[in-house]
Amino acid sequence: MSRRLLAIALAIMSGGTAWAGPAPAGPLGGVKTWAVYYGAAPETAAELARFDLVVLDPTRHPPLNNVKRHGALLLMYVSLGEVNIHSPAYASIATEPWVLAPNPNWPEARRLDPRAPGYERWLLERVVPAALTGPVNGLFLDTADTPMELERAEPERYGGAAEALERVLGVLHRAHPRALLVLNGGLPLVERSRPMLAGVAVESILTDYDFKAQRYRARAPEAARERAAALRRVTALGLPVLALEYAPPDDAAWTQSLITKTRAAGLIPYISTIGLDKVFTQTLR
């Protein structure tokens, strides 16, 4: 393990001082705080406006101008590898062959095959333009890992899924060159797609939500080190890394520990509950 990799891994595990990679550059270089909120309560706008960057659901959200009143950057959620059956965009594709089986952890989400021409048209001609409507700065691109996991598990059946996602990102970027693109996960895509991306988000480096038991847990130390190691190439690219961790809302000590450790590693933390349906302001302190 290199010195730099060792430093970031140890920092994430211990909360100590860390090598944080080059200073993040680009349009998100000044972002110190961020939030993810997929609810629509109007009263949350005042709290969300205190963050530097906010991620919202394009189909239901607080008043956007209120969220942006202090200059927050606003990204809208777009799922690359899954679609929720309650999404307005689902009905038109429900019977398409590239709409696959449910995600076991999220039964209302259907996995998608990005290699299909119909998928690309649906995403780029319907989903993305709708998400970019209004005073929006860009997109928070989620679930890229889903088709890549299918490709890893069944390469003969799903081979080319990662390449298809890379192609779709390129088309999206060329069609909307001013839109800030943040990829949530999908780390194998990051290096090849670096010129298109403003930042990267990573979930659950230190935490591991148990969907079956519906319980928040700390990730095992070795697994946390492995996830930290996967960030090495990303931080070396100078991209801002947004860290999203999940913890119970009544455990202030654990939440503060997560904030301290992720910041020490040069990451930008946000701590929430698994539903992402409430606003938590601990990272503003």
C-alpha atoms as a PDB file:
ATOM      1  CA  MET A   1       0.000   0.000   0.000  1.00  0.00           C
ATOM      2  CA  SER A   2       1.416   3.401  -1.000  1.00  0.00           C
ATOM      3  CA  ARG A   3       1.979   6.140   1.576  1.00  0.00           C
ATOM      4  CA  ARG A   4      -0.842   8.219   0.145  1.00  0.00           C
ATOM      5  CA  LEU A   5      -3.274   5.320   0.126  1.00  0.00           C
ATOM      6  CA  LEU A   6      -2.238   4.321   3.639  1.00  0.00           C
ATOM      7  CA  ALA A   7      -2.757   7.878   4.841  1.00  0.00           C
ATOM      8  CA  ILE A   8      -6.281   8.188   3.511  1.00  0.00           C
ATOM      9  CA  ALA A   9      -7.253   4.719   4.731  1.00  0.00           C
ATOM     10  CA  LEU A  10      -5.891   5.358   8.217  1.00  0.00           C
ATOM     11  CA  ALA A  11      -7.517   8.760   8.371  1.00  0.00           C
ATOM     12  CA  ILE A  12     -10.907   7.371   7.509  1.00  0.00           C
ATOM     13  CA  MET A  13     -10.565   4.678  10.149  1.00  0.00           C
ATOM     14  CA  SER A  14      -9.053   6.802  12.913  1.00  0.00           C
ATOM     15  CA  GLY A  15     -10.128  10.375  12.260  1.00  0.00           C
ATOM     16  CA  GLY A  16      -6.519  11.553  12.098  1.00  0.00           C
ATOM     17  CA  THR A  17      -4.913  14.058   9.759  1.00  0.00           C
ATOM     18  CA  ALA A  18      -4.887  12.801   6.173  1.00  0.00           C
ATOM     19  CA  TRP A  19      -3.528  13.370   2.741  1.00  0.00           C
ATOM     20  CA  ALA A  20      -6.545  14.714   0.906  1.00  0.00           C
ATOM     21  CA  GLY A  21      -5.255  14.681  -2.663  1.00  0.00           C
ATOM     22  CA  PRO A  22      -4.899  17.817  -4.756  1.00  0.00           C
ATOM     23  CA  ALA A  23      -7.144  20.716  -3.806  1.00  0.00           C
ATOM     24  CA  PRO A  24     -10.442  20.111  -5.635  1.00  0.00           C
ATOM     25  CA  ALA A  25     -10.750  22.314  -8.682  1.00  0.00           C
ATOM     26  CA  GLY A  26     -13.573  23.325 -10.973  1.00  0.00           C
ATOM     27  CA  PRO A  27     -17.094  24.573 -10.237  1.00  0.00           C
ATOM     28  CA  LEU A  28     -17.406  22.560  -7.006  1.00  0.00           C
ATOM     29  CA  GLY A  29     -13.987  23.528  -5.683  1.00  0.00           C
ATOM     30  CA  GLY A  30     -15.524  25.904  -3.139  1.00  0.00           C
ATOM     31  CA  VAL A  31     -18.167  23.484  -1.844  1.00  0.00           C
ATOM     32  CA  LYS A  32     -17.719  22.734   1.866  1.00  0.00           C
ATOM     33  CA  THR A  33     -21.213  21.498   2.752  1.00  0.00           C
ATOM     34  CA  TRP A  34     -23.910  19.621   0.899  1.00  0.00           C
ATOM     35  CA  ALA A  35     -27.271  17.955   1.497  1.00  0.00           C
ATOM     36  CA  VAL A  36     -29.486  15.346  -0.116  1.00  0.00           C
ATOM     37  CA  TYR A  37     -33.246  15.618   0.394  1.00  0.00           C
ATOM     38  CA  TYR A  38     -35.895  13.696  -1.528  1.00  0.00           C
ATOM     39  CA  GLY A  39     -38.909  15.137   0.259  1.00  0.00           C
ATOM     40  CA  ALA A  40     -41.097  18.096  -0.672  1.00  0.00           C
ATOM     41  CA  ALA A  41     -41.889  19.903   2.587  1.00  0.00           C
ATOM     42  CA  PRO A  42     -41.812  23.651   1.811  1.00  0.00           C
ATOM     43  CA  GLU A  43     -40.453  24.539   5.254  1.00  0.00           C
ATOM     44  CA  THR A  44     -37.205  22.641   4.565  1.00  0.00           C
ATOM     45  CA  ALA A  45     -36.136  25.251   2.012  1.00  0.00           C
ATOM     46  CA  ALA A  46     -34.783  27.576   4.711  1.00  0.00           C
ATOM     47  CA  GLU A  47     -32.471  24.886   6.098  1.00  0.00           C
ATOM     48  CA  LEU A  48     -31.425  23.643   2.670  1.00  0.00           C
ATOM     49  CA  ALA A  49     -30.515  27.192   1.632  1.00  0.00           C
ATOM     50  CA  ARG A  50     -27.705  27.139   4.219  1.00  0.00           C
ATOM     51  CA  PHE A  51     -25.757  24.457   2.322  1.00  0.00           C
ATOM     52  CA  ASP A  52     -23.332  25.090  -0.540  1.00  0.00           C
ATOM     53  CA  LEU A  53     -24.821  22.320  -2.694  1.00  0.00           C
ATOM     54  CA  VAL A  54     -28.215  20.617  -2.537  1.00  0.00           C
ATOM     55  CA  VAL A  55     -29.516  17.477  -4.271  1.00  0.00           C
ATOM     56  CA  LEU A  56     -33.291  17.213  -4.765  1.00  0.00           C
ATOM     57  CA  ASP A  57     -35.861  14.966  -6.442  1.00  0.00           C
ATOM     58  CA  PRO A  58     -36.949  16.633  -9.707  1.00  0.00           C
ATOM     59  CA  THR A  59     -40.520  15.347  -9.362  1.00  0.00           C
ATOM     60  CA  ARG A  60     -41.174  16.610  -5.808  1.00  0.00           C
ATOM     61  CA  HIS A  61     -39.203  19.213  -3.905  1.00  0.00           C
ATOM     62  CA  PRO A  62     -39.400  22.444  -1.875  1.00  0.00           C
ATOM     63  CA  PRO A  63     -39.619  25.761  -3.774  1.00  0.00           C
ATOM     64  CA  LEU A  64     -36.398  25.940  -5.779  1.00  0.00           C
ATOM     65  CA  ASN A  65     -35.924  29.700  -5.614  1.00  0.00           C
ATOM     66  CA  ASN A  66     -36.136  29.525  -1.818  1.00  0.00           C
ATOM     67  CA  VAL A  67     -33.509  26.782  -1.711  1.00  0.00           C
ATOM     68  CA  LYS A  68     -31.193  28.881  -3.905  1.00  0.00           C
ATOM     69  CA  ARG A  69     -31.726  32.224  -2.211  1.00  0.00           C
ATOM     70  CA  HIS A  70     -28.216  32.279  -0.683  1.00  0.00           C
ATOM     71  CA  GLY A  71     -26.516  30.952  -3.801  1.00  0.00           C
ATOM     72  CA  ALA A  72     -26.633  27.188  -3.248  1.00  0.00           C
ATOM     73  CA  LEU A  73     -25.816  25.042  -6.252  1.00  0.00           C
ATOM     74  CA  LEU A  74     -28.780  22.834  -7.103  1.00  0.00           C
ATOM     75  CA  LEU A  75     -28.491  19.332  -8.571  1.00  0.00           C
ATOM     76  CA  MET A  76     -31.439  17.156  -9.517  1.00  0.00           C
ATOM     77  CA  TYR A  77     -31.459  13.411  -8.987  1.00  0.00           C
ATOM     78  CA  VAL A  78     -31.326  11.200 -12.083  1.00  0.00           C
ATOM     79  CA  SER A  79     -31.082   7.413 -11.830  1.00  0.00           C
ATOM     80  CA  LEU A  80     -28.947   5.839 -14.551  1.00  0.00           C
ATOM     81  CA  GLY A  81     -29.300   2.171 -13.672  1.00  0.00           C
ATOM     82  CA  GLU A  82     -32.741   1.882 -12.078  1.00  0.00           C
ATOM     83  CA  VAL A  83     -36.215   3.383 -12.285  1.00  0.00           C
ATOM     84  CA  ASN A  84     -38.823   3.547  -9.525  1.00  0.00           C
ATOM     85  CA  ILE A  85     -42.232   2.198 -10.480  1.00  0.00           C
ATOM     86  CA  HIS A  86     -43.823   5.343  -9.010  1.00  0.00           C
ATOM     87  CA  SER A  87     -41.736   7.656 -11.175  1.00  0.00           C
ATOM     88  CA  PRO A  88     -43.671   9.621 -13.820  1.00  0.00           C
ATOM     89  CA  ALA A  89     -41.102   8.334 -16.321  1.00  0.00           C
ATOM     90  CA  TYR A  90     -41.843   4.657 -15.627  1.00  0.00           C
ATOM     91  CA  ALA A  91     -45.229   4.059 -17.262  1.00  0.00           C
ATOM     92  CA  SER A  92     -43.962   4.644 -20.799  1.00  0.00           C
ATOM     93  CA  ILE A  93     -41.235   1.999 -20.454  1.00  0.00           C
ATOM     94  CA  ALA A  94     -42.822  -0.533 -18.068  1.00  0.00           C
ATOM     95  CA  THR A  95     -43.024  -3.292 -20.693  1.00  0.00           C
ATOM     96  CA  GLU A  96     -39.700  -2.626 -22.412  1.00  0.00           C
ATOM     97  CA  PRO A  97     -37.284  -5.587 -22.478  1.00  0.00           C
ATOM     98  CA  TRP A  98     -34.492  -3.408 -21.065  1.00  0.00           C
ATOM     99  CA  VAL A  99     -36.476  -2.886 -17.856  1.00  0.00           C
ATOM    100  CA  LEU A 100     -35.236  -5.750 -15.696  1.00  0.00           C
ATOM    101  CA  ALA A 101     -35.924  -7.370 -12.323  1.00  0.00           C
ATOM    102  CA  PRO A 102     -36.345  -5.365  -9.091  1.00  0.00           C
ATOM    103  CA  ASN A 103     -33.443  -4.314  -6.901  1.00  0.00           C
ATOM    104  CA  PRO A 104     -33.673  -6.682  -3.887  1.00  0.00           C
ATOM    105  CA  ASN A 105     -32.934  -3.826  -1.456  1.00  0.00           C
ATOM    106  CA  TRP A 106     -35.439  -1.481  -3.077  1.00  0.00           C
ATOM    107  CA  PRO A 107     -38.353  -3.634  -4.368  1.00  0.00           C
ATOM    108  CA  GLU A 108     -40.033  -0.665  -6.052  1.00  0.00           C
ATOM    109  CA  ALA A 109     -36.944  -0.030  -8.205  1.00  0.00           C
ATOM    110  CA  ARG A 110     -36.507  -1.833 -11.528  1.00  0.00           C
ATOM    111  CA  ARG A 111     -32.997  -2.336 -12.867  1.00  0.00           C
ATOM    112  CA  LEU A 112     -32.202  -1.059 -16.363  1.00  0.00           C
ATOM    113  CA  ASP A 113     -30.021  -2.249 -19.240  1.00  0.00           C
ATOM    114  CA  PRO A 114     -28.182   0.845 -20.568  1.00  0.00           C
ATOM    115  CA  ARG A 115     -27.055  -0.920 -23.751  1.00  0.00           C
ATOM    116  CA  ALA A 116     -30.511  -0.680 -25.331  1.00  0.00           C
ATOM    117  CA  PRO A 117     -31.122   2.172 -27.819  1.00  0.00           C
ATOM    118  CA  GLY A 118     -34.535   2.680 -26.238  1.00  0.00           C
ATOM    119  CA  TYR A 119     -32.913   3.271 -22.857  1.00  0.00           C
ATOM    120  CA  GLU A 120     -30.661   6.001 -24.217  1.00  0.00           C
ATOM    121  CA  ARG A 121     -33.538   7.780 -25.956  1.00  0.00           C
ATOM    122  CA  TRP A 122     -35.734   7.587 -22.853  1.00  0.00           C
ATOM    123  CA  LEU A 123     -33.016   8.901 -20.540  1.00  0.00           C
ATOM    124  CA  LEU A 124     -31.671  11.670 -22.767  1.00  0.00           C
ATOM    125  CA  GLU A 125     -34.905  12.839 -24.369  1.00  0.00           C
ATOM    126  CA  ARG A 126     -37.305  12.554 -21.437  1.00  0.00           C
ATOM    127  CA  VAL A 127     -35.666  12.113 -18.038  1.00  0.00           C
ATOM    128  CA  VAL A 128     -32.724  14.502 -18.322  1.00  0.00           C
ATOM    129  CA  PRO A 129     -34.558  17.486 -19.902  1.00  0.00           C
ATOM    130  CA  ALA A 130     -37.288  17.238 -17.252  1.00  0.00           C
ATOM    131  CA  ALA A 131     -34.694  17.204 -14.471  1.00  0.00           C
ATOM    132  CA  LEU A 132     -32.887  20.255 -15.841  1.00  0.00           C
ATOM    133  CA  THR A 133     -36.016  22.418 -15.975  1.00  0.00           C
ATOM    134  CA  GLY A 134     -35.906  25.553 -13.817  1.00  0.00           C
ATOM    135  CA  PRO A 135     -33.046  27.155 -11.851  1.00  0.00           C
ATOM    136  CA  VAL A 136     -31.012  23.950 -11.825  1.00  0.00           C
ATOM    137  CA  ASN A 137     -27.208  23.767 -12.017  1.00  0.00           C
ATOM    138  CA  GLY A 138     -26.792  20.116 -12.877  1.00  0.00           C
ATOM    139  CA  LEU A 139     -27.500  16.461 -12.181  1.00  0.00           C
ATOM    140  CA  PHE A 140     -26.752  13.967  -9.427  1.00  0.00           C
ATOM    141  CA  LEU A 141     -26.341  10.727 -11.378  1.00  0.00           C
ATOM    142  CA  ASP A 142     -27.150   7.681  -9.272  1.00  0.00           C
ATOM    143  CA  THR A 143     -27.206   3.861  -9.623  1.00  0.00           C
ATOM    144  CA  ALA A 144     -24.463   3.509 -12.245  1.00  0.00           C
ATOM    145  CA  ASP A 145     -23.209   0.633 -10.105  1.00  0.00           C
ATOM    146  CA  THR A 146     -26.344  -1.427 -10.768  1.00  0.00           C
ATOM    147  CA  PRO A 147     -25.717  -2.305 -14.449  1.00  0.00           C
ATOM    148  CA  MET A 148     -21.992  -2.627 -13.788  1.00  0.00           C
ATOM    149  CA  GLU A 149     -22.727  -5.186 -11.053  1.00  0.00           C
ATOM    150  CA  LEU A 150     -24.897  -7.109 -13.512  1.00  0.00           C
ATOM    151  CA  GLU A 151     -22.041  -7.079 -16.007  1.00  0.00           C
ATOM    152  CA  ARG A 152     -19.588  -8.346 -13.391  1.00  0.00           C
ATOM    153  CA  ALA A 153     -21.975 -11.090 -12.266  1.00  0.00           C
ATOM    154  CA  GLU A 154     -23.055 -12.195 -15.756  1.00  0.00           C
ATOM    155  CA  PRO A 155     -20.521 -10.917 -18.322  1.00  0.00           C
ATOM    156  CA  GLU A 156     -21.880 -13.064 -21.136  1.00  0.00           C
ATOM    157  CA  ARG A 157     -25.381 -11.689 -20.656  1.00  0.00           C
ATOM    158  CA  TYR A 158     -24.634  -8.077 -19.697  1.00  0.00           C
ATOM    159  CA  GLY A 159     -21.223  -7.447 -21.233  1.00  0.00           C
ATOM    160  CA  GLY A 160     -20.775  -3.862 -22.429  1.00  0.00           C
ATOM    161  CA  ALA A 161     -22.955  -2.232 -19.767  1.00  0.00           C
ATOM    162  CA  ALA A 162     -20.124  -0.064 -18.393  1.00  0.00           C
ATOM    163  CA  GLU A 163     -19.116   0.984 -21.898  1.00  0.00           C
ATOM    164  CA  ALA A 164     -22.726   1.916 -22.630  1.00  0.00           C
ATOM    165  CA  LEU A 165     -22.897   4.080 -19.506  1.00  0.00           C
ATOM    166  CA  GLU A 166     -19.704   5.853 -20.512  1.00  0.00           C
ATOM    167  CA  ARG A 167     -21.176   6.540 -23.943  1.00  0.00           C
ATOM    168  CA  VAL A 168     -24.406   7.866 -22.425  1.00  0.00           C
ATOM    169  CA  LEU A 169     -22.451  10.189 -20.123  1.00  0.00           C
ATOM    170  CA  GLY A 170     -20.605  11.552 -23.135  1.00  0.00           C
ATOM    171  CA  VAL A 171     -23.806  12.217 -25.065  1.00  0.00           C
ATOM    172  CA  LEU A 172     -25.388  13.833 -22.007  1.00  0.00           C
ATOM    173  CA  HIS A 173     -22.381  16.094 -21.473  1.00  0.00           C
ATOM    174  CA  ARG A 174     -22.287  17.190 -25.105  1.00  0.00           C
ATOM    175  CA  ALA A 175     -26.025  17.913 -25.085  1.00  0.00           C
ATOM    176  CA  HIS A 176     -25.834  19.913 -21.824  1.00  0.00           C
ATOM    177  CA  PRO A 177     -22.245  21.197 -21.566  1.00  0.00           C
ATOM    178  CA  ARG A 178     -23.050  23.726 -18.830  1.00  0.00           C
ATOM    179  CA  ALA A 179     -24.763  21.203 -16.550  1.00  0.00           C
ATOM    180  CA  LEU A 180     -22.670  20.123 -13.558  1.00  0.00           C
ATOM    181  CA  LEU A 181     -22.527  16.330 -13.428  1.00  0.00           C
ATOM    182  CA  VAL A 182     -21.852  14.505 -10.157  1.00  0.00           C
ATOM    183  CA  LEU A 183     -21.620  10.727 -10.369  1.00  0.00           C
ATOM    184  CA  ASN A 184     -22.792   8.885  -7.257  1.00  0.00           C
ATOM    185  CA  GLY A 185     -20.719   5.710  -7.106  1.00  0.00           C
ATOM    186  CA  GLY A 186     -19.713   4.146 -10.394  1.00  0.00           C
ATOM    187  CA  LEU A 187     -16.056   4.648  -9.499  1.00  0.00           C
ATOM    188  CA  PRO A 188     -14.726   2.552 -12.429  1.00  0.00           C
ATOM    189  CA  LEU A 189     -16.320   5.132 -14.753  1.00  0.00           C
ATOM    190  CA  VAL A 190     -14.817   8.156 -13.061  1.00  0.00           C
ATOM    191  CA  GLU A 191     -11.315   8.083 -14.492  1.00  0.00           C
ATOM    192  CA  ARG A 192     -12.516   7.575 -18.070  1.00  0.00           C
ATOM    193  CA  SER A 193     -15.232  10.205 -17.662  1.00  0.00           C
ATOM    194  CA  ARG A 194     -13.178  12.782 -15.729  1.00  0.00           C
ATOM    195  CA  PRO A 195     -13.552  15.665 -18.248  1.00  0.00           C
ATOM    196  CA  MET A 196     -17.335  15.407 -18.022  1.00  0.00           C
ATOM    197  CA  LEU A 197     -17.620  15.355 -14.226  1.00  0.00           C
ATOM    198  CA  ALA A 198     -17.729  18.172 -11.684  1.00  0.00           C
ATOM    199  CA  GLY A 199     -17.511  15.805  -8.718  1.00  0.00           C
ATOM    200  CA  VAL A 200     -18.085  12.339  -7.320  1.00  0.00           C
ATOM    201  CA  ALA A 201     -20.281  11.110  -4.467  1.00  0.00           C
ATOM    202  CA  VAL A 202     -19.654   7.951  -2.467  1.00  0.00           C
ATOM    203  CA  GLU A 203     -22.116   6.322  -0.079  1.00  0.00           C
ATOM    204  CA  SER A 204     -21.459   4.297   3.055  1.00  0.00           C
ATOM    205  CA  ILE A 205     -17.691   4.296   3.377  1.00  0.00           C
ATOM    206  CA  LEU A 206     -17.932   3.899   7.143  1.00  0.00           C
ATOM    207  CA  THR A 207     -21.530   2.779   7.564  1.00  0.00           C
ATOM    208  CA  ASP A 208     -23.470  -0.227   6.313  1.00  0.00           C
ATOM    209  CA  TYR A 209     -27.260  -0.152   6.510  1.00  0.00           C
ATOM    210  CA  ASP A 210     -28.797  -3.596   7.046  1.00  0.00           C
ATOM    211  CA  PHE A 211     -31.914  -3.568   4.850  1.00  0.00           C
ATOM    212  CA  LYS A 212     -33.181  -6.905   6.151  1.00  0.00           C
ATOM    213  CA  ALA A 213     -32.917  -5.938   9.819  1.00  0.00           C
ATOM    214  CA  GLN A 214     -33.577  -2.246   9.074  1.00  0.00           C
ATOM    215  CA  ARG A 215     -30.647  -1.308  11.256  1.00  0.00           C
ATOM    216  CA  TYR A 216     -27.769   1.164  11.016  1.00  0.00           C
ATOM    217  CA  ARG A 217     -24.346  -0.435  11.465  1.00  0.00           C
ATOM    218  CA  ALA A 218     -20.704   0.546  11.330  1.00  0.00           C
ATOM    219  CA  ARG A 219     -18.926  -1.021   8.389  1.00  0.00           C
ATOM    220  CA  ALA A 220     -16.343  -3.662   9.281  1.00  0.00           C
ATOM    221  CA  PRO A 221     -12.838  -2.091   9.457  1.00  0.00           C
ATOM    222  CA  GLU A 222     -11.370  -4.122   6.595  1.00  0.00           C
ATOM    223  CA  ALA A 223     -14.349  -3.366   4.347  1.00  0.00           C
ATOM    224  CA  ALA A 224     -14.081   0.335   5.211  1.00  0.00           C
ATOM    225  CA  ARG A 225     -10.388   0.299   4.305  1.00  0.00           C
ATOM    226  CA  GLU A 226     -11.206  -1.318   0.967  1.00  0.00           C
ATOM    227  CA  ARG A 227     -13.778   1.344   0.188  1.00  0.00           C
ATOM    228  CA  ALA A 228     -11.318   4.055   1.196  1.00  0.00           C
ATOM    229  CA  ALA A 229      -8.704   2.521  -1.083  1.00  0.00           C
ATOM    230  CA  ALA A 230     -11.097   2.672  -4.028  1.00  0.00           C
ATOM    231  CA  LEU A 231     -11.176   6.464  -3.649  1.00  0.00           C
ATOM    232  CA  ARG A 232      -7.449   6.866  -4.228  1.00  0.00           C
ATOM    233  CA  ARG A 233      -7.652   7.324  -8.001  1.00  0.00           C
ATOM    234  CA  VAL A 234     -10.624   9.680  -7.626  1.00  0.00           C
ATOM    235  CA  THR A 235      -8.915  11.997  -5.156  1.00  0.00           C
ATOM    236  CA  ALA A 236      -5.777  11.939  -7.317  1.00  0.00           C
ATOM    237  CA  LEU A 237      -7.833  13.413 -10.156  1.00  0.00           C
ATOM    238  CA  GLY A 238      -8.625  16.469  -8.045  1.00  0.00           C
ATOM    239  CA  LEU A 239     -12.370  15.898  -8.096  1.00  0.00           C
ATOM    240  CA  PRO A 240     -14.370  16.922  -5.017  1.00  0.00           C
ATOM    241  CA  VAL A 241     -15.655  13.813  -3.232  1.00  0.00           C
ATOM    242  CA  LEU A 242     -19.032  14.075  -1.489  1.00  0.00           C
ATOM    243  CA  ALA A 243     -19.398  11.452   1.248  1.00  0.00           C
ATOM    244  CA  LEU A 244     -22.905  10.290   2.166  1.00  0.00           C
ATOM    245  CA  GLU A 245     -23.170   8.279   5.386  1.00  0.00           C
ATOM    246  CA  TYR A 246     -26.245   6.877   7.131  1.00  0.00           C
ATOM    247  CA  ALA A 247     -26.815   6.924  10.887  1.00  0.00           C
ATOM    248  CA  PRO A 248     -29.753   6.932  13.320  1.00  0.00           C
ATOM    249  CA  PRO A 249     -31.048  10.469  13.910  1.00  0.00           C
ATOM    250  CA  ASP A 250     -30.742  10.163  17.693  1.00  0.00           C
ATOM    251  CA  ASP A 251     -27.063   9.126  17.807  1.00  0.00           C
ATOM    252  CA  ALA A 252     -25.261  12.475  17.926  1.00  0.00           C
ATOM    253  CA  ALA A 253     -21.934  10.976  18.992  1.00  0.00           C
ATOM    254  CA  TRP A 254     -21.753   8.554  16.070  1.00  0.00           C
ATOM    255  CA  THR A 255     -22.837  11.262  13.652  1.00  0.00           C
ATOM    256  CA  GLN A 256     -20.097  13.608  14.865  1.00  0.00           C
ATOM    257  CA  SER A 257     -17.539  10.812  14.603  1.00  0.00           C
ATOM    258  CA  LEU A 258     -18.524  10.195  10.980  1.00  0.00           C
ATOM    259  CA  ILE A 259     -18.235  13.902  10.194  1.00  0.00           C
ATOM    260  CA  THR A 260     -14.805  14.149  11.814  1.00  0.00           C
ATOM    261  CA  LYS A 261     -13.389  11.094  10.047  1.00  0.00           C
ATOM    262  CA  THR A 262     -14.635  11.950   6.577  1.00  0.00           C
ATOM    263  CA  ARG A 263     -13.457  15.554   6.822  1.00  0.00           C
ATOM    264  CA  ALA A 264     -10.040  14.391   8.033  1.00  0.00           C
ATOM    265  CA  ALA A 265      -9.772  12.351   4.841  1.00  0.00           C
ATOM    266  CA  GLY A 266     -10.497  15.398   2.679  1.00  0.00           C
ATOM    267  CA  LEU A 267     -14.080  14.411   1.869  1.00  0.00           C
ATOM    268  CA  ILE A 268     -17.232  16.543   2.136  1.00  0.00           C
ATOM    269  CA  PRO A 269     -19.714  14.776   4.456  1.00  0.00           C
ATOM    270  CA  TYR A 270     -23.464  14.660   4.732  1.00  0.00           C
ATOM    271  CA  ILE A 271     -25.084  12.392   7.329  1.00  0.00           C
ATOM    272  CA  SER A 272     -28.720  11.345   6.930  1.00  0.00           C
ATOM    273  CA  THR A 273     -31.183   8.532   7.487  1.00  0.00           C
ATOM    274  CA  ILE A 274     -31.573   5.891   4.794  1.00  0.00           C
ATOM    275  CA  GLY A 275     -34.793   7.402   3.426  1.00  0.00           C
ATOM    276  CA  LEU A 276     -33.175  10.791   2.730  1.00  0.00           C
ATOM    277  CA  ASP A 277     -36.547  12.338   3.542  1.00  0.00           C
ATOM    278  CA  LYS A 278     -35.428  14.744   6.270  1.00  0.00           C
ATOM    279  CA  VAL A 279     -32.864  17.546   6.415  1.00  0.00           C
ATOM    280  CA  PHE A 280     -30.007  17.199   8.915  1.00  0.00           C
ATOM    281  CA  THR A 281     -27.758  20.172   9.654  1.00  0.00           C
ATOM    282  CA  GLN A 282     -24.965  18.683  11.797  1.00  0.00           C
ATOM    283  CA  THR A 283     -22.400  19.233   9.034  1.00  0.00           C
ATOM    284  CA  LEU A 284     -23.113  22.979   9.064  1.00  0.00           C
ATOM    285  CA  ARG A 285     -21.592  23.353  12.545  1.00  0.00           C
END
